[in-house]
PDB file of N, CA and C in Angstrom:
ATOM      1  N   MET A   1     -12.333 -77.545 -33.197  1.00  0.00           N
ATOM      2  CA  MET A   1     -12.339 -75.949 -32.990  1.00  0.00           C
ATOM      3  C   MET A   1     -12.020 -75.529 -31.497  1.00  0.00           C
ATOM      4  N   GLN A   2     -11.117 -75.076 -31.585  1.00  0.00           N
ATOM      5  CA  GLN A   2     -10.917 -74.020 -30.398  1.00  0.00           C
ATOM      6  C   GLN A   2     -10.853 -73.066 -30.184  1.00  0.00           C
ATOM      7  N   GLU A   3     -11.610 -72.484 -29.213  1.00  0.00           N
ATOM      8  CA  GLU A   3     -12.466 -70.892 -28.713  1.00  0.00           C
ATOM      9  C   GLU A   3     -11.691 -70.651 -27.451  1.00  0.00           C
ATOM     10  N   PHE A   4     -11.591 -68.869 -27.770  1.00  0.00           N
ATOM     11  CA  PHE A   4     -11.513 -68.324 -26.461  1.00  0.00           C
ATOM     12  C   PHE A   4     -11.665 -66.947 -26.597  1.00  0.00           C
ATOM     13  N   GLU A   5     -11.846 -66.173 -25.582  1.00  0.00           N
ATOM     14  CA  GLU A   5     -12.050 -64.632 -25.433  1.00  0.00           C
ATOM     15  C   GLU A   5     -10.772 -63.711 -25.667  1.00  0.00           C
ATOM     16  N   ILE A   6     -10.697 -62.875 -26.439  1.00  0.00           N
ATOM     17  CA  ILE A   6      -9.292 -61.334 -26.139  1.00  0.00           C
ATOM     18  C   ILE A   6     -10.044 -60.183 -26.222  1.00  0.00           C
ATOM     19  N   SER A   7      -9.084 -59.596 -25.658  1.00  0.00           N
ATOM     20  CA  SER A   7      -9.304 -57.926 -25.663  1.00  0.00           C
ATOM     21  C   SER A   7      -8.153 -57.424 -26.111  1.00  0.00           C
ATOM     22  N   LEU A   8      -8.037 -56.722 -27.240  1.00  0.00           N
ATOM     23  CA  LEU A   8      -7.078 -55.837 -27.237  1.00  0.00           C
ATOM     24  C   LEU A   8      -7.320 -54.311 -27.047  1.00  0.00           C
ATOM     25  N   HIS A   9      -6.546 -53.708 -27.174  1.00  0.00           N
ATOM     26  CA  HIS A   9      -6.389 -52.136 -26.598  1.00  0.00           C
ATOM     27  C   HIS A   9      -5.803 -50.798 -27.065  1.00  0.00           C
ATOM     28  N   SER A  10      -4.804 -51.477 -28.107  1.00  0.00           N
ATOM     29  CA  SER A  10      -4.508 -50.459 -28.410  1.00  0.00           C
ATOM     30  C   SER A  10      -4.122 -51.337 -29.983  1.00  0.00           C
ATOM     31  N   PHE A  11      -3.213 -50.390 -31.169  1.00  0.00           N
ATOM     32  CA  PHE A  11      -3.200 -50.825 -32.234  1.00  0.00           C
ATOM     33  C   PHE A  11      -1.869 -51.644 -31.866  1.00  0.00           C
ATOM     34  N   GLN A  12      -0.948 -51.058 -31.211  1.00  0.00           N
ATOM     35  CA  GLN A  12       0.449 -52.256 -31.215  1.00  0.00           C
ATOM     36  C   GLN A  12      -0.181 -54.033 -30.108  1.00  0.00           C
ATOM     37  N   GLU A  13      -0.957 -53.774 -29.567  1.00  0.00           N
ATOM     38  CA  GLU A  13      -1.820 -55.138 -29.388  1.00  0.00           C
ATOM     39  C   GLU A  13      -2.246 -55.702 -30.762  1.00  0.00           C
ATOM     40  N   VAL A  14      -2.774 -55.265 -31.123  1.00  0.00           N
ATOM     41  CA  VAL A  14      -3.344 -56.064 -32.830  1.00  0.00           C
ATOM     42  C   VAL A  14      -1.978 -56.695 -32.955  1.00  0.00           C
ATOM     43  N   GLN A  15      -1.461 -55.422 -33.667  1.00  0.00           N
ATOM     44  CA  GLN A  15       0.046 -55.610 -34.548  1.00  0.00           C
ATOM     45  C   GLN A  15       0.490 -56.922 -33.664  1.00  0.00           C
ATOM     46  N   GLU A  16       0.310 -56.991 -32.201  1.00  0.00           N
ATOM     47  CA  GLU A  16       1.298 -58.367 -31.634  1.00  0.00           C
ATOM     48  C   GLU A  16       0.839 -59.178 -31.960  1.00  0.00           C
ATOM     49  N   PHE A  17      -0.816 -59.124 -31.772  1.00  0.00           N
ATOM     50  CA  PHE A  17      -1.568 -60.858 -32.235  1.00  0.00           C
ATOM     51  C   PHE A  17      -1.502 -61.184 -33.235  1.00  0.00           C
ATOM     52  N   ILE A  18      -1.593 -60.332 -34.491  1.00  0.00           N
ATOM     53  CA  ILE A  18      -1.328 -60.700 -35.883  1.00  0.00           C
ATOM     54  C   ILE A  18      -0.418 -61.620 -35.954  1.00  0.00           C
ATOM     55  N   SER A  19       0.785 -60.687 -35.483  1.00  0.00           N
ATOM     56  CA  SER A  19       2.258 -61.725 -35.860  1.00  0.00           C
ATOM     57  C   SER A  19       2.302 -62.902 -34.827  1.00  0.00           C
ATOM     58  N   LEU A  20       1.872 -63.148 -33.987  1.00  0.00           N
ATOM     59  CA  LEU A  20       1.528 -64.224 -33.100  1.00  0.00           C
ATOM     60  C   LEU A  20       0.522 -65.340 -33.864  1.00  0.00           C
ATOM     61  N   ALA A  21      -0.825 -64.623 -34.416  1.00  0.00           N
ATOM     62  CA  ALA A  21      -1.190 -65.636 -35.242  1.00  0.00           C
ATOM     63  C   ALA A  21      -0.906 -65.633 -36.759  1.00  0.00           C
ATOM     64  N   THR A  22      -0.060 -65.180 -37.186  1.00  0.00           N
ATOM     65  CA  THR A  22       0.593 -65.375 -38.474  1.00  0.00           C
ATOM     66  C   THR A  22       1.321 -66.685 -38.343  1.00  0.00           C
ATOM     67  N   VAL A  23       2.039 -67.196 -37.545  1.00  0.00           N
ATOM     68  CA  VAL A  23       3.140 -68.130 -37.187  1.00  0.00           C
ATOM     69  C   VAL A  23       2.561 -69.503 -37.221  1.00  0.00           C
ATOM     70  N   GLN A  24       1.166 -69.395 -36.815  1.00  0.00           N
ATOM     71  CA  GLN A  24       0.363 -70.916 -36.541  1.00  0.00           C
ATOM     72  C   GLN A  24       0.176 -71.556 -37.923  1.00  0.00           C
ATOM     73  N   PRO A  25       0.259 -72.618 -37.784  1.00  0.00           N
ATOM     74  CA  PRO A  25       0.066 -73.877 -39.328  1.00  0.00           C
ATOM     75  C   PRO A  25      -1.298 -74.119 -39.477  1.00  0.00           C
ATOM     76  N   PHE A  26      -2.422 -73.447 -38.458  1.00  0.00           N
ATOM     77  CA  PHE A  26      -3.220 -73.760 -39.150  1.00  0.00           C
ATOM     78  C   PHE A  26      -4.253 -72.086 -39.348  1.00  0.00           C
ATOM     79  N   PRO A  27      -5.575 -72.343 -39.411  1.00  0.00           N
ATOM     80  CA  PRO A  27      -6.465 -71.333 -39.821  1.00  0.00           C
ATOM     81  C   PRO A  27      -6.843 -70.720 -38.326  1.00  0.00           C
ATOM     82  N   VAL A  28      -6.482 -69.164 -37.961  1.00  0.00           N
ATOM     83  CA  VAL A  28      -7.031 -68.742 -36.872  1.00  0.00           C
ATOM     84  C   VAL A  28      -8.139 -67.632 -37.407  1.00  0.00           C
ATOM     85  N   LEU A  29      -9.327 -67.666 -36.781  1.00  0.00           N
ATOM     86  CA  LEU A  29     -10.255 -66.556 -37.084  1.00  0.00           C
ATOM     87  C   LEU A  29     -11.014 -65.562 -35.921  1.00  0.00           C
ATOM     88  N   VAL A  30     -10.746 -64.411 -35.516  1.00  0.00           N
ATOM     89  CA  VAL A  30     -11.139 -63.612 -34.963  1.00  0.00           C
ATOM     90  C   VAL A  30     -12.776 -62.812 -34.745  1.00  0.00           C
ATOM     91  N   GLY A  31     -13.625 -62.839 -34.060  1.00  0.00           N
ATOM     92  CA  GLY A  31     -14.986 -61.903 -34.372  1.00  0.00           C
ATOM     93  C   GLY A  31     -15.661 -61.406 -33.354  1.00  0.00           C
ATOM     94  N   ASN A  32     -16.657 -60.878 -33.859  1.00  0.00           N
ATOM     95  CA  ASN A  32     -17.867 -60.896 -32.481  1.00  0.00           C
ATOM     96  C   ASN A  32     -18.935 -61.762 -33.574  1.00  0.00           C
ATOM     97  N   ASP A  33     -20.334 -61.180 -32.778  1.00  0.00           N
ATOM     98  CA  ASP A  33     -21.481 -61.625 -33.570  1.00  0.00           C
ATOM     99  C   ASP A  33     -21.494 -61.372 -34.547  1.00  0.00           C
ATOM    100  N   VAL A  34     -21.447 -60.366 -35.377  1.00  0.00           N
ATOM    101  CA  VAL A  34     -21.292 -59.642 -36.557  1.00  0.00           C
ATOM    102  C   VAL A  34     -20.372 -59.514 -37.411  1.00  0.00           C
ATOM    103  N   GLN A  35     -19.162 -59.329 -37.296  1.00  0.00           N
ATOM    104  CA  GLN A  35     -18.252 -60.510 -38.147  1.00  0.00           C
ATOM    105  C   GLN A  35     -17.279 -61.137 -37.784  1.00  0.00           C
ATOM    106  N   GLN A  36     -16.410 -62.000 -38.639  1.00  0.00           N
ATOM    107  CA  GLN A  36     -15.565 -62.540 -38.327  1.00  0.00           C
ATOM    108  C   GLN A  36     -14.406 -62.454 -39.565  1.00  0.00           C
ATOM    109  N   VAL A  37     -12.966 -62.413 -38.854  1.00  0.00           N
ATOM    110  CA  VAL A  37     -12.288 -62.466 -40.157  1.00  0.00           C
ATOM    111  C   VAL A  37     -10.914 -62.959 -39.948  1.00  0.00           C
ATOM    112  N   ASN A  38      -9.953 -63.245 -40.800  1.00  0.00           N
ATOM    113  CA  ASN A  38      -8.746 -64.136 -40.608  1.00  0.00           C
ATOM    114  C   ASN A  38      -7.896 -63.131 -39.721  1.00  0.00           C
ATOM    115  N   ALA A  39      -7.506 -64.054 -38.428  1.00  0.00           N
ATOM    116  CA  ALA A  39      -6.638 -63.463 -37.655  1.00  0.00           C
ATOM    117  C   ALA A  39      -4.981 -63.012 -38.215  1.00  0.00           C
ATOM    118  N   LYS A  40      -4.692 -63.573 -39.557  1.00  0.00           N
ATOM    119  CA  LYS A  40      -3.632 -63.190 -39.978  1.00  0.00           C
ATOM    120  C   LYS A  40      -3.768 -62.246 -41.666  1.00  0.00           C
ATOM    121  N   SER A  41      -4.686 -61.555 -41.166  1.00  0.00           N
ATOM    122  CA  SER A  41      -4.917 -60.590 -42.345  1.00  0.00           C
ATOM    123  C   SER A  41      -5.103 -59.407 -41.384  1.00  0.00           C
ATOM    124  N   PHE A  42      -3.781 -57.811 -41.823  1.00  0.00           N
ATOM    125  CA  PHE A  42      -3.977 -57.050 -40.909  1.00  0.00           C
ATOM    126  C   PHE A  42      -5.581 -55.894 -41.389  1.00  0.00           C
ATOM    127  N   ILE A  43      -5.629 -56.031 -42.605  1.00  0.00           N
ATOM    128  CA  ILE A  43      -6.677 -55.230 -43.551  1.00  0.00           C
ATOM    129  C   ILE A  43      -8.233 -55.849 -42.553  1.00  0.00           C
ATOM    130  N   GLY A  44      -7.834 -57.414 -42.294  1.00  0.00           N
ATOM    131  CA  GLY A  44      -9.172 -57.885 -41.339  1.00  0.00           C
ATOM    132  C   GLY A  44      -9.491 -57.140 -39.896  1.00  0.00           C
ATOM    133  N   MET A  45      -8.047 -57.431 -39.270  1.00  0.00           N
ATOM    134  CA  MET A  45      -8.155 -57.118 -37.884  1.00  0.00           C
ATOM    135  C   MET A  45      -8.854 -55.798 -37.644  1.00  0.00           C
ATOM    136  N   VAL A  46      -8.067 -54.905 -38.581  1.00  0.00           N
ATOM    137  CA  VAL A  46      -8.473 -52.863 -38.168  1.00  0.00           C
ATOM    138  C   VAL A  46      -9.560 -53.233 -38.459  1.00  0.00           C
ATOM    139  N   SER A  47     -10.356 -53.656 -39.003  1.00  0.00           N
ATOM    140  CA  SER A  47     -11.773 -53.501 -39.350  1.00  0.00           C
ATOM    141  C   SER A  47     -12.840 -54.089 -38.166  1.00  0.00           C
ATOM    142  N   LEU A  48     -12.192 -54.567 -37.321  1.00  0.00           N
ATOM    143  CA  LEU A  48     -12.757 -54.998 -35.966  1.00  0.00           C
ATOM    144  C   LEU A  48     -13.492 -54.116 -34.943  1.00  0.00           C
ATOM    145  N   ASP A  49     -14.101 -54.092 -34.254  1.00  0.00           N
ATOM    146  CA  ASP A  49     -14.761 -53.619 -33.121  1.00  0.00           C
ATOM    147  C   ASP A  49     -13.642 -53.703 -31.476  1.00  0.00           C
ATOM    148  N   TYR A  50     -12.815 -52.919 -31.232  1.00  0.00           N
ATOM    149  CA  TYR A  50     -12.119 -53.439 -30.297  1.00  0.00           C
ATOM    150  C   TYR A  50     -13.084 -53.049 -28.969  1.00  0.00           C
ATOM    151  N   SER A  51     -14.131 -52.329 -29.007  1.00  0.00           N
ATOM    152  CA  SER A  51     -14.880 -52.019 -27.328  1.00  0.00           C
ATOM    153  C   SER A  51     -15.730 -53.145 -26.729  1.00  0.00           C
ATOM    154  N   ARG A  52     -15.591 -54.263 -27.706  1.00  0.00           N
ATOM    155  CA  ARG A  52     -15.829 -55.544 -26.449  1.00  0.00           C
ATOM    156  C   ARG A  52     -14.988 -56.549 -26.612  1.00  0.00           C
ATOM    157  N   PRO A  53     -15.116 -57.143 -26.235  1.00  0.00           N
ATOM    158  CA  PRO A  53     -14.163 -58.838 -26.181  1.00  0.00           C
ATOM    159  C   PRO A  53     -14.576 -59.617 -27.430  1.00  0.00           C
ATOM    160  N   LEU A  54     -13.372 -60.191 -28.151  1.00  0.00           N
ATOM    161  CA  LEU A  54     -13.471 -60.259 -29.750  1.00  0.00           C
ATOM    162  C   LEU A  54     -13.293 -62.358 -29.027  1.00  0.00           C
ATOM    163  N   ARG A  55     -13.633 -62.902 -29.954  1.00  0.00           N
ATOM    164  CA  ARG A  55     -13.724 -64.754 -29.863  1.00  0.00           C
ATOM    165  C   ARG A  55     -12.651 -65.234 -31.045  1.00  0.00           C
ATOM    166  N   VAL A  56     -11.871 -65.718 -30.595  1.00  0.00           N
ATOM    167  CA  VAL A  56     -10.832 -66.161 -31.211  1.00  0.00           C
ATOM    168  C   VAL A  56     -11.533 -68.042 -31.430  1.00  0.00           C
ATOM    169  N   GLN A  57     -11.303 -68.374 -32.924  1.00  0.00           N
ATOM    170  CA  GLN A  57     -11.371 -69.595 -33.000  1.00  0.00           C
ATOM    171  C   GLN A  57     -10.324 -70.367 -34.308  1.00  0.00           C
ATOM    172  N   ALA A  58      -9.768 -71.681 -33.411  1.00  0.00           N
ATOM    173  CA  ALA A  58      -8.626 -71.756 -34.111  1.00  0.00           C
ATOM    174  C   ALA A  58      -9.313 -73.304 -34.571  1.00  0.00           C
ATOM    175  N   ASP A  59      -8.844 -73.293 -35.755  1.00  0.00           N
ATOM    176  CA  ASP A  59      -8.743 -75.285 -36.490  1.00  0.00           C
ATOM    177  C   ASP A  59      -7.589 -75.963 -36.103  1.00  0.00           C
ATOM    178  N   CYS A  60      -7.537 -76.506 -34.923  1.00  0.00           N
ATOM    179  CA  CYS A  60      -6.422 -77.383 -34.510  1.00  0.00           C
ATOM    180  C   CYS A  60      -6.914 -78.040 -33.179  1.00  0.00           C
ATOM    181  N   ASP A  61      -6.268 -79.356 -33.318  1.00  0.00           N
ATOM    182  CA  ASP A  61      -6.149 -79.930 -31.755  1.00  0.00           C
ATOM    183  C   ASP A  61      -6.011 -79.290 -30.586  1.00  0.00           C
ATOM    184  N   SER A  62      -6.614 -80.356 -29.508  1.00  0.00           N
ATOM    185  CA  SER A  62      -6.563 -79.497 -28.247  1.00  0.00           C
ATOM    186  C   SER A  62      -5.113 -78.841 -27.730  1.00  0.00           C
ATOM    187  N   SER A  63      -4.249 -79.906 -28.273  1.00  0.00           N
ATOM    188  CA  SER A  63      -2.990 -79.396 -27.833  1.00  0.00           C
ATOM    189  C   SER A  63      -2.257 -78.247 -28.382  1.00  0.00           C
ATOM    190  N   ALA A  64      -2.870 -78.292 -29.529  1.00  0.00           N
ATOM    191  CA  ALA A  64      -2.276 -76.996 -30.538  1.00  0.00           C
ATOM    192  C   ALA A  64      -3.233 -75.441 -30.101  1.00  0.00           C
ATOM    193  N   GLY A  65      -4.436 -75.917 -29.488  1.00  0.00           N
ATOM    194  CA  GLY A  65      -5.436 -75.026 -28.742  1.00  0.00           C
ATOM    195  C   GLY A  65      -4.779 -74.633 -27.552  1.00  0.00           C
ATOM    196  N   HIS A  66      -4.152 -75.501 -27.266  1.00  0.00           N
ATOM    197  CA  HIS A  66      -3.738 -75.142 -25.354  1.00  0.00           C
ATOM    198  C   HIS A  66      -2.593 -74.130 -25.854  1.00  0.00           C
ATOM    199  N   SER A  67      -1.517 -74.733 -26.604  1.00  0.00           N
ATOM    200  CA  SER A  67      -0.404 -73.847 -26.885  1.00  0.00           C
ATOM    201  C   SER A  67      -0.869 -72.135 -27.305  1.00  0.00           C
ATOM    202  N   LEU A  68      -1.421 -72.598 -28.495  1.00  0.00           N
ATOM    203  CA  LEU A  68      -2.084 -70.702 -28.924  1.00  0.00           C
ATOM    204  C   LEU A  68      -2.345 -70.447 -27.726  1.00  0.00           C
ATOM    205  N   ARG A  69      -3.335 -70.606 -27.026  1.00  0.00           N
ATOM    206  CA  ARG A  69      -3.894 -69.680 -25.578  1.00  0.00           C
ATOM    207  C   ARG A  69      -2.495 -69.319 -24.973  1.00  0.00           C
ATOM    208  N   HIS A  70      -1.641 -70.421 -24.668  1.00  0.00           N
ATOM    209  CA  HIS A  70      -0.446 -69.778 -24.285  1.00  0.00           C
ATOM    210  C   HIS A  70       0.306 -68.966 -24.527  1.00  0.00           C
ATOM    211  N   VAL A  71       0.654 -68.784 -25.841  1.00  0.00           N
ATOM    212  CA  VAL A  71       1.344 -67.201 -26.442  1.00  0.00           C
ATOM    213  C   VAL A  71       0.179 -66.081 -26.574  1.00  0.00           C
ATOM    214  N   MET A  72      -1.123 -66.719 -26.369  1.00  0.00           N
ATOM    215  CA  MET A  72      -2.061 -65.452 -26.330  1.00  0.00           C
ATOM    216  C   MET A  72      -2.105 -64.894 -24.821  1.00  0.00           C
ATOM    217  N   GLN A  73      -1.494 -65.066 -24.009  1.00  0.00           N
ATOM    218  CA  GLN A  73      -1.975 -65.025 -22.679  1.00  0.00           C
ATOM    219  C   GLN A  73      -2.313 -63.804 -22.506  1.00  0.00           C
ATOM    220  N   LYS A  74      -1.270 -63.113 -22.844  1.00  0.00           N
ATOM    221  CA  LYS A  74      -1.538 -61.377 -22.545  1.00  0.00           C
ATOM    222  C   LYS A  74      -3.369 -60.620 -22.866  1.00  0.00           C
ATOM    223  N   PHE A  75      -3.587 -61.314 -24.072  1.00  0.00           N
ATOM    224  CA  PHE A  75      -4.650 -60.744 -24.586  1.00  0.00           C
ATOM    225  C   PHE A  75      -6.348 -61.593 -23.625  1.00  0.00           C
ATOM    226  N   LEU A  76      -5.905 -62.639 -23.412  1.00  0.00           N
ATOM    227  CA  LEU A  76      -6.865 -63.283 -22.697  1.00  0.00           C
ATOM    228  C   LEU A  76      -8.026 -62.592 -21.939  1.00  0.00           C
ATOM    229  N   CYS A  77      -9.088 -62.636 -21.985  1.00  0.00           N
ATOM    230  CA  CYS A  77     -10.171 -61.491 -21.325  1.00  0.00           C
ATOM    231  C   CYS A  77     -10.358 -62.973 -19.739  1.00  0.00           C
ATOM    232  N   GLU A  78     -10.203 -62.009 -18.961  1.00  0.00           N
ATOM    233  CA  GLU A  78     -10.468 -63.052 -17.488  1.00  0.00           C
ATOM    234  C   GLU A  78     -12.065 -63.290 -16.858  1.00  0.00           C
TER     235      GLU A  78
END
């Protein structure tokens, strides 16, 4: 399991994130302390609270996790 935090600030960023998550060959979850949703689900993603950073969990090995972090670079929390 690979984990990292992201921030999404607009509806366009949410759509872009979903598009990137959808092409991954492994499960990707996004959430916070209260809720966790499938990152490939539009309805799930729009139900999240974007006022705080979100935690991404990907069920993949470290190599695939590194690749995922690379494609999600613009959303990563610093």
